[in-house]
């Protein structure tokens, strides 16, 4: 069991750093790359320092890795210029490259389960309804705070503002970003709550 756990940790870190190194090689804009991957690096740091005192479920570790990869891809190309979504844009006659919406969907989908796990394991609130409500509220607050960070970065750096914001001329971009995060949070609870609860129950 211990060897299997170490193997999973090794694979997780190997995938994380392989994608990170790839994303850092000739990114579209170096400053934008840094701004986009910082949340993934912060997440990695928190995971490393808490893995012994507060290990997470395997589901959460997997989703955090996927979210980190989404951030790194967006950092490498910028969210407005991810090639595959450019192809989708022309194929379906979209008005914009919608990769940033994948990022904001994940911004609700993953944090809501992180919040849920902490609320349940620390017995912060009672009752499933309250756990769900608080989890979604925390995820949405996280999304809103990220929009504030984007605004502050745009004010501080005109160079990276357009690439980092990724609005592509869409006037309701901020509101739609938070709507996608809300939808992602609700979708995660609907699809994964039972699996998540079973994994939480198996933790020491």
C-alpha atoms as a PDB file:
ATOM      1  CA  UNK A   1       0.000   0.000   0.000  1.00  0.00           C
ATOM      2  CA  UNK A   2       2.843   2.379   0.900  1.00  0.00           C
ATOM      3  CA  UNK A   3       4.676   1.628  -2.349  1.00  0.00           C
ATOM      4  CA  UNK A   4       1.470   2.211  -4.321  1.00  0.00           C
ATOM      5  CA  UNK A   5       0.989   5.563  -2.569  1.00  0.00           C
ATOM      6  CA  UNK A   6       4.570   6.629  -3.335  1.00  0.00           C
ATOM      7  CA  UNK A   7       4.111   5.589  -6.971  1.00  0.00           C
ATOM      8  CA  UNK A   8       0.947   7.705  -7.267  1.00  0.00           C
ATOM      9  CA  UNK A   9       2.742  10.684  -5.728  1.00  0.00           C
ATOM     10  CA  UNK A  10       5.649  10.240  -8.129  1.00  0.00           C
ATOM     11  CA  UNK A  11       3.359  10.015 -11.154  1.00  0.00           C
ATOM     12  CA  UNK A  12       1.411  13.082 -10.004  1.00  0.00           C
ATOM     13  CA  UNK A  13       4.575  15.141  -9.602  1.00  0.00           C
ATOM     14  CA  UNK A  14       6.082  13.807 -12.837  1.00  0.00           C
ATOM     15  CA  UNK A  15       3.031  14.812 -14.881  1.00  0.00           C
ATOM     16  CA  UNK A  16       2.817  18.191 -13.145  1.00  0.00           C
ATOM     17  CA  UNK A  17       6.443  19.106 -13.807  1.00  0.00           C
ATOM     18  CA  UNK A  18       6.510  17.716 -17.363  1.00  0.00           C
ATOM     19  CA  UNK A  19       3.571  19.922 -18.333  1.00  0.00           C
ATOM     20  CA  UNK A  20       5.031  22.860 -16.378  1.00  0.00           C
ATOM     21  CA  UNK A  21       8.377  22.587 -18.207  1.00  0.00           C
ATOM     22  CA  UNK A  22       6.602  22.260 -21.561  1.00  0.00           C
ATOM     23  CA  UNK A  23       4.494  25.337 -20.839  1.00  0.00           C
ATOM     24  CA  UNK A  24       7.585  27.346 -19.872  1.00  0.00           C
ATOM     25  CA  UNK A  25       9.375  26.675 -23.185  1.00  0.00           C
ATOM     26  CA  UNK A  26       8.816  29.622 -25.539  1.00  0.00           C
ATOM     27  CA  UNK A  27       5.447  30.735 -24.158  1.00  0.00           C
ATOM     28  CA  UNK A  28       3.454  33.302 -26.101  1.00  0.00           C
ATOM     29  CA  UNK A  29       4.157  35.908 -23.423  1.00  0.00           C
ATOM     30  CA  UNK A  30       6.477  35.254 -20.476  1.00  0.00           C
ATOM     31  CA  UNK A  31       4.718  37.552 -18.008  1.00  0.00           C
ATOM     32  CA  UNK A  32       1.316  36.128 -18.891  1.00  0.00           C
ATOM     33  CA  UNK A  33       2.694  32.601 -18.520  1.00  0.00           C
ATOM     34  CA  UNK A  34       3.947  33.415 -15.033  1.00  0.00           C
ATOM     35  CA  UNK A  35       0.653  34.988 -13.978  1.00  0.00           C
ATOM     36  CA  UNK A  36      -1.348  32.012 -15.244  1.00  0.00           C
ATOM     37  CA  UNK A  37       0.773  29.261 -13.674  1.00  0.00           C
ATOM     38  CA  UNK A  38       1.225  30.933 -10.259  1.00  0.00           C
ATOM     39  CA  UNK A  39      -2.069  29.447  -8.921  1.00  0.00           C
ATOM     40  CA  UNK A  40      -0.864  25.956  -9.907  1.00  0.00           C
ATOM     41  CA  UNK A  41       2.461  26.522  -8.146  1.00  0.00           C
ATOM     42  CA  UNK A  42       0.680  27.819  -5.045  1.00  0.00           C
ATOM     43  CA  UNK A  43      -1.552  24.747  -5.094  1.00  0.00           C
ATOM     44  CA  UNK A  44       1.483  22.465  -5.395  1.00  0.00           C
ATOM     45  CA  UNK A  45       3.155  24.173  -2.438  1.00  0.00           C
ATOM     46  CA  UNK A  46       0.059  23.792  -0.259  1.00  0.00           C
ATOM     47  CA  UNK A  47      -0.303  20.113  -1.220  1.00  0.00           C
ATOM     48  CA  UNK A  48       3.336  19.362  -0.401  1.00  0.00           C
ATOM     49  CA  UNK A  49       3.182  21.002   3.025  1.00  0.00           C
ATOM     50  CA  UNK A  50      -0.200  19.528   4.015  1.00  0.00           C
ATOM     51  CA  UNK A  51       0.005  16.010   2.557  1.00  0.00           C
ATOM     52  CA  UNK A  52       0.996  14.459   5.910  1.00  0.00           C
ATOM     53  CA  UNK A  53      -1.170  16.447   8.302  1.00  0.00           C
ATOM     54  CA  UNK A  54      -4.217  16.723   6.018  1.00  0.00           C
ATOM     55  CA  UNK A  55      -4.023  14.310   3.055  1.00  0.00           C
ATOM     56  CA  UNK A  56      -6.771  14.811   0.504  1.00  0.00           C
ATOM     57  CA  UNK A  57      -8.872  12.237  -1.300  1.00  0.00           C
ATOM     58  CA  UNK A  58      -7.426  10.724  -4.467  1.00  0.00           C
ATOM     59  CA  UNK A  59     -10.296  12.314  -6.406  1.00  0.00           C
ATOM     60  CA  UNK A  60      -9.209  15.783  -5.298  1.00  0.00           C
ATOM     61  CA  UNK A  61      -5.550  15.181  -6.075  1.00  0.00           C
ATOM     62  CA  UNK A  62      -6.529  14.066  -9.579  1.00  0.00           C
ATOM     63  CA  UNK A  63      -8.784  17.081 -10.166  1.00  0.00           C
ATOM     64  CA  UNK A  64      -6.167  19.517  -8.851  1.00  0.00           C
ATOM     65  CA  UNK A  65      -3.687  18.070 -11.343  1.00  0.00           C
ATOM     66  CA  UNK A  66      -6.172  18.480 -14.207  1.00  0.00           C
ATOM     67  CA  UNK A  67      -6.894  22.052 -13.132  1.00  0.00           C
ATOM     68  CA  UNK A  68      -3.153  22.784 -12.997  1.00  0.00           C
ATOM     69  CA  UNK A  69      -2.709  21.433 -16.535  1.00  0.00           C
ATOM     70  CA  UNK A  70      -5.547  23.655 -17.772  1.00  0.00           C
ATOM     71  CA  UNK A  71      -3.767  26.663 -16.234  1.00  0.00           C
ATOM     72  CA  UNK A  72      -0.419  25.708 -17.761  1.00  0.00           C
ATOM     73  CA  UNK A  73      -1.864  25.272 -21.243  1.00  0.00           C
ATOM     74  CA  UNK A  74      -3.552  28.667 -20.931  1.00  0.00           C
ATOM     75  CA  UNK A  75      -0.272  30.160 -19.734  1.00  0.00           C
ATOM     76  CA  UNK A  76       1.704  28.746 -22.641  1.00  0.00           C
ATOM     77  CA  UNK A  77      -0.585  29.912 -25.440  1.00  0.00           C
ATOM     78  CA  UNK A  78      -2.599  32.587 -23.544  1.00  0.00           C
ATOM     79  CA  UNK A  79      -6.263  31.767 -23.062  1.00  0.00           C
ATOM     80  CA  UNK A  80      -7.328  33.584 -26.195  1.00  0.00           C
ATOM     81  CA  UNK A  81      -4.991  31.646 -28.515  1.00  0.00           C
ATOM     82  CA  UNK A  82      -5.101  27.959 -27.600  1.00  0.00           C
ATOM     83  CA  UNK A  83      -4.831  26.287 -31.056  1.00  0.00           C
ATOM     84  CA  UNK A  84      -7.430  23.535 -30.604  1.00  0.00           C
ATOM     85  CA  UNK A  85     -10.022  26.080 -29.509  1.00  0.00           C
ATOM     86  CA  UNK A  86      -9.106  28.280 -32.463  1.00  0.00           C
ATOM     87  CA  UNK A  87     -10.024  25.290 -34.624  1.00  0.00           C
ATOM     88  CA  UNK A  88     -13.323  24.932 -32.759  1.00  0.00           C
ATOM     89  CA  UNK A  89     -13.906  28.657 -33.169  1.00  0.00           C
ATOM     90  CA  UNK A  90     -13.719  28.436 -36.954  1.00  0.00           C
ATOM     91  CA  UNK A  91     -15.503  25.076 -37.136  1.00  0.00           C
ATOM     92  CA  UNK A  92     -18.532  26.222 -35.151  1.00  0.00           C
ATOM     93  CA  UNK A  93     -18.332  29.879 -36.184  1.00  0.00           C
ATOM     94  CA  UNK A  94     -17.771  31.114 -32.640  1.00  0.00           C
ATOM     95  CA  UNK A  95     -17.047  34.797 -32.167  1.00  0.00           C
ATOM     96  CA  UNK A  96     -14.112  34.066 -29.838  1.00  0.00           C
ATOM     97  CA  UNK A  97     -11.687  31.425 -28.569  1.00  0.00           C
ATOM     98  CA  UNK A  98     -13.529  29.866 -25.610  1.00  0.00           C
ATOM     99  CA  UNK A  99     -10.672  28.067 -23.838  1.00  0.00           C
ATOM    100  CA  UNK A 100     -10.903  30.563 -20.977  1.00  0.00           C
ATOM    101  CA  UNK A 101     -14.404  29.245 -20.268  1.00  0.00           C
ATOM    102  CA  UNK A 102     -12.912  25.779 -19.697  1.00  0.00           C
ATOM    103  CA  UNK A 103     -10.596  27.394 -17.158  1.00  0.00           C
ATOM    104  CA  UNK A 104     -13.427  29.148 -15.357  1.00  0.00           C
ATOM    105  CA  UNK A 105     -15.584  26.027 -15.394  1.00  0.00           C
ATOM    106  CA  UNK A 106     -12.708  24.226 -13.649  1.00  0.00           C
ATOM    107  CA  UNK A 107     -12.374  27.202 -11.314  1.00  0.00           C
ATOM    108  CA  UNK A 108     -15.749  26.235  -9.882  1.00  0.00           C
ATOM    109  CA  UNK A 109     -15.589  22.465 -10.414  1.00  0.00           C
ATOM    110  CA  UNK A 110     -12.403  21.842  -8.415  1.00  0.00           C
ATOM    111  CA  UNK A 111     -12.520  24.425  -5.580  1.00  0.00           C
ATOM    112  CA  UNK A 112     -16.072  23.426  -4.647  1.00  0.00           C
ATOM    113  CA  UNK A 113     -14.879  19.903  -3.844  1.00  0.00           C
ATOM    114  CA  UNK A 114     -11.873  21.230  -1.935  1.00  0.00           C
ATOM    115  CA  UNK A 115     -14.242  23.360   0.150  1.00  0.00           C
ATOM    116  CA  UNK A 116     -16.629  20.434   0.559  1.00  0.00           C
ATOM    117  CA  UNK A 117     -13.894  18.134   1.805  1.00  0.00           C
ATOM    118  CA  UNK A 118     -12.633  20.636   4.370  1.00  0.00           C
ATOM    119  CA  UNK A 119     -16.148  21.474   5.589  1.00  0.00           C
ATOM    120  CA  UNK A 120     -17.061  17.813   6.041  1.00  0.00           C
ATOM    121  CA  UNK A 121     -13.811  16.626   7.594  1.00  0.00           C
ATOM    122  CA  UNK A 122     -13.487  19.587   9.951  1.00  0.00           C
ATOM    123  CA  UNK A 123     -17.210  19.410  10.879  1.00  0.00           C
ATOM    124  CA  UNK A 124     -17.592  23.145  10.211  1.00  0.00           C
ATOM    125  CA  UNK A 125     -21.273  23.000   9.269  1.00  0.00           C
ATOM    126  CA  UNK A 126     -23.983  20.424   9.869  1.00  0.00           C
ATOM    127  CA  UNK A 127     -26.239  18.907   7.240  1.00  0.00           C
ATOM    128  CA  UNK A 128     -25.693  18.111   3.572  1.00  0.00           C
ATOM    129  CA  UNK A 129     -27.676  21.121   2.363  1.00  0.00           C
ATOM    130  CA  UNK A 130     -25.500  23.513   4.358  1.00  0.00           C
ATOM    131  CA  UNK A 131     -22.327  21.782   3.178  1.00  0.00           C
ATOM    132  CA  UNK A 132     -23.422  22.168  -0.451  1.00  0.00           C
ATOM    133  CA  UNK A 133     -24.485  25.790   0.002  1.00  0.00           C
ATOM    134  CA  UNK A 134     -21.260  26.797   1.747  1.00  0.00           C
ATOM    135  CA  UNK A 135     -19.110  24.882  -0.743  1.00  0.00           C
ATOM    136  CA  UNK A 136     -20.695  26.630  -3.720  1.00  0.00           C
ATOM    137  CA  UNK A 137     -20.485  29.999  -1.959  1.00  0.00           C
ATOM    138  CA  UNK A 138     -16.764  29.527  -1.274  1.00  0.00           C
ATOM    139  CA  UNK A 139     -16.103  28.462  -4.871  1.00  0.00           C
ATOM    140  CA  UNK A 140     -18.007  31.473  -6.212  1.00  0.00           C
ATOM    141  CA  UNK A 141     -16.173  33.800  -3.813  1.00  0.00           C
ATOM    142  CA  UNK A 142     -12.895  32.345  -5.054  1.00  0.00           C
ATOM    143  CA  UNK A 143     -13.959  33.025  -8.654  1.00  0.00           C
ATOM    144  CA  UNK A 144     -14.955  36.617  -7.838  1.00  0.00           C
ATOM    145  CA  UNK A 145     -11.658  37.210  -6.041  1.00  0.00           C
ATOM    146  CA  UNK A 146      -9.763  35.916  -9.085  1.00  0.00           C
ATOM    147  CA  UNK A 147     -11.635  38.446 -11.239  1.00  0.00           C
ATOM    148  CA  UNK A 148     -10.437  41.171  -8.844  1.00  0.00           C
ATOM    149  CA  UNK A 149      -6.872  39.889  -9.222  1.00  0.00           C
ATOM    150  CA  UNK A 150      -7.221  40.088 -13.009  1.00  0.00           C
ATOM    151  CA  UNK A 151      -8.419  43.685 -12.659  1.00  0.00           C
ATOM    152  CA  UNK A 152      -5.495  44.621 -10.381  1.00  0.00           C
ATOM    153  CA  UNK A 153      -2.998  43.031 -12.768  1.00  0.00           C
ATOM    154  CA  UNK A 154      -4.554  44.881 -15.691  1.00  0.00           C
ATOM    155  CA  UNK A 155      -4.187  48.184 -13.827  1.00  0.00           C
ATOM    156  CA  UNK A 156      -0.596  47.437 -12.834  1.00  0.00           C
ATOM    157  CA  UNK A 157       0.654  46.082 -16.158  1.00  0.00           C
ATOM    158  CA  UNK A 158      -0.663  47.277 -19.491  1.00  0.00           C
ATOM    159  CA  UNK A 159       1.758  44.879 -21.196  1.00  0.00           C
ATOM    160  CA  UNK A 160       0.095  41.713 -19.880  1.00  0.00           C
ATOM    161  CA  UNK A 161      -3.397  43.068 -19.335  1.00  0.00           C
ATOM    162  CA  UNK A 162      -5.018  42.010 -22.613  1.00  0.00           C
ATOM    163  CA  UNK A 163      -3.446  38.535 -22.716  1.00  0.00           C
ATOM    164  CA  UNK A 164      -4.095  37.847 -19.024  1.00  0.00           C
ATOM    165  CA  UNK A 165      -7.685  39.093 -19.032  1.00  0.00           C
ATOM    166  CA  UNK A 166      -8.531  37.285 -22.276  1.00  0.00           C
ATOM    167  CA  UNK A 167     -11.746  39.252 -22.734  1.00  0.00           C
ATOM    168  CA  UNK A 168     -11.407  39.259 -26.538  1.00  0.00           C
ATOM    169  CA  UNK A 169     -13.692  42.270 -26.708  1.00  0.00           C
ATOM    170  CA  UNK A 170     -16.556  40.566 -24.869  1.00  0.00           C
ATOM    171  CA  UNK A 171     -18.158  43.177 -22.615  1.00  0.00           C
ATOM    172  CA  UNK A 172     -19.746  40.603 -20.264  1.00  0.00           C
ATOM    173  CA  UNK A 173     -16.603  38.483 -19.905  1.00  0.00           C
ATOM    174  CA  UNK A 174     -16.256  38.951 -16.125  1.00  0.00           C
ATOM    175  CA  UNK A 175     -19.876  38.055 -15.436  1.00  0.00           C
ATOM    176  CA  UNK A 176     -19.818  35.036 -17.752  1.00  0.00           C
ATOM    177  CA  UNK A 177     -16.573  33.823 -16.122  1.00  0.00           C
ATOM    178  CA  UNK A 178     -18.250  33.753 -12.730  1.00  0.00           C
ATOM    179  CA  UNK A 179     -21.362  32.126 -14.211  1.00  0.00           C
ATOM    180  CA  UNK A 180     -19.214  29.323 -15.638  1.00  0.00           C
ATOM    181  CA  UNK A 181     -17.540  28.874 -12.242  1.00  0.00           C
ATOM    182  CA  UNK A 182     -20.966  28.651 -10.585  1.00  0.00           C
ATOM    183  CA  UNK A 183     -22.136  26.095 -13.153  1.00  0.00           C
ATOM    184  CA  UNK A 184     -18.928  24.096 -12.687  1.00  0.00           C
ATOM    185  CA  UNK A 185     -19.393  24.065  -8.912  1.00  0.00           C
ATOM    186  CA  UNK A 186     -22.991  22.847  -9.129  1.00  0.00           C
ATOM    187  CA  UNK A 187     -22.058  20.255 -11.763  1.00  0.00           C
ATOM    188  CA  UNK A 188     -19.268  18.874  -9.561  1.00  0.00           C
ATOM    189  CA  UNK A 189     -21.648  18.433  -6.619  1.00  0.00           C
ATOM    190  CA  UNK A 190     -24.276  16.736  -8.749  1.00  0.00           C
ATOM    191  CA  UNK A 191     -21.839  14.364 -10.464  1.00  0.00           C
ATOM    192  CA  UNK A 192     -19.231  13.611  -7.811  1.00  0.00           C
ATOM    193  CA  UNK A 193     -20.722  14.087  -4.323  1.00  0.00           C
ATOM    194  CA  UNK A 194     -21.369  10.358  -3.761  1.00  0.00           C
ATOM    195  CA  UNK A 195     -17.928   9.273  -4.952  1.00  0.00           C
ATOM    196  CA  UNK A 196     -16.325  12.066  -2.963  1.00  0.00           C
ATOM    197  CA  UNK A 197     -18.199  11.120   0.214  1.00  0.00           C
ATOM    198  CA  UNK A 198     -17.128   7.466  -0.108  1.00  0.00           C
ATOM    199  CA  UNK A 199     -13.491   8.493  -0.444  1.00  0.00           C
ATOM    200  CA  UNK A 200     -13.736  10.867   2.527  1.00  0.00           C
ATOM    201  CA  UNK A 201     -15.186   8.030   4.639  1.00  0.00           C
ATOM    202  CA  UNK A 202     -12.128   5.877   3.877  1.00  0.00           C
ATOM    203  CA  UNK A 203      -9.639   8.485   5.068  1.00  0.00           C
ATOM    204  CA  UNK A 204      -8.098   7.971   8.510  1.00  0.00           C
END
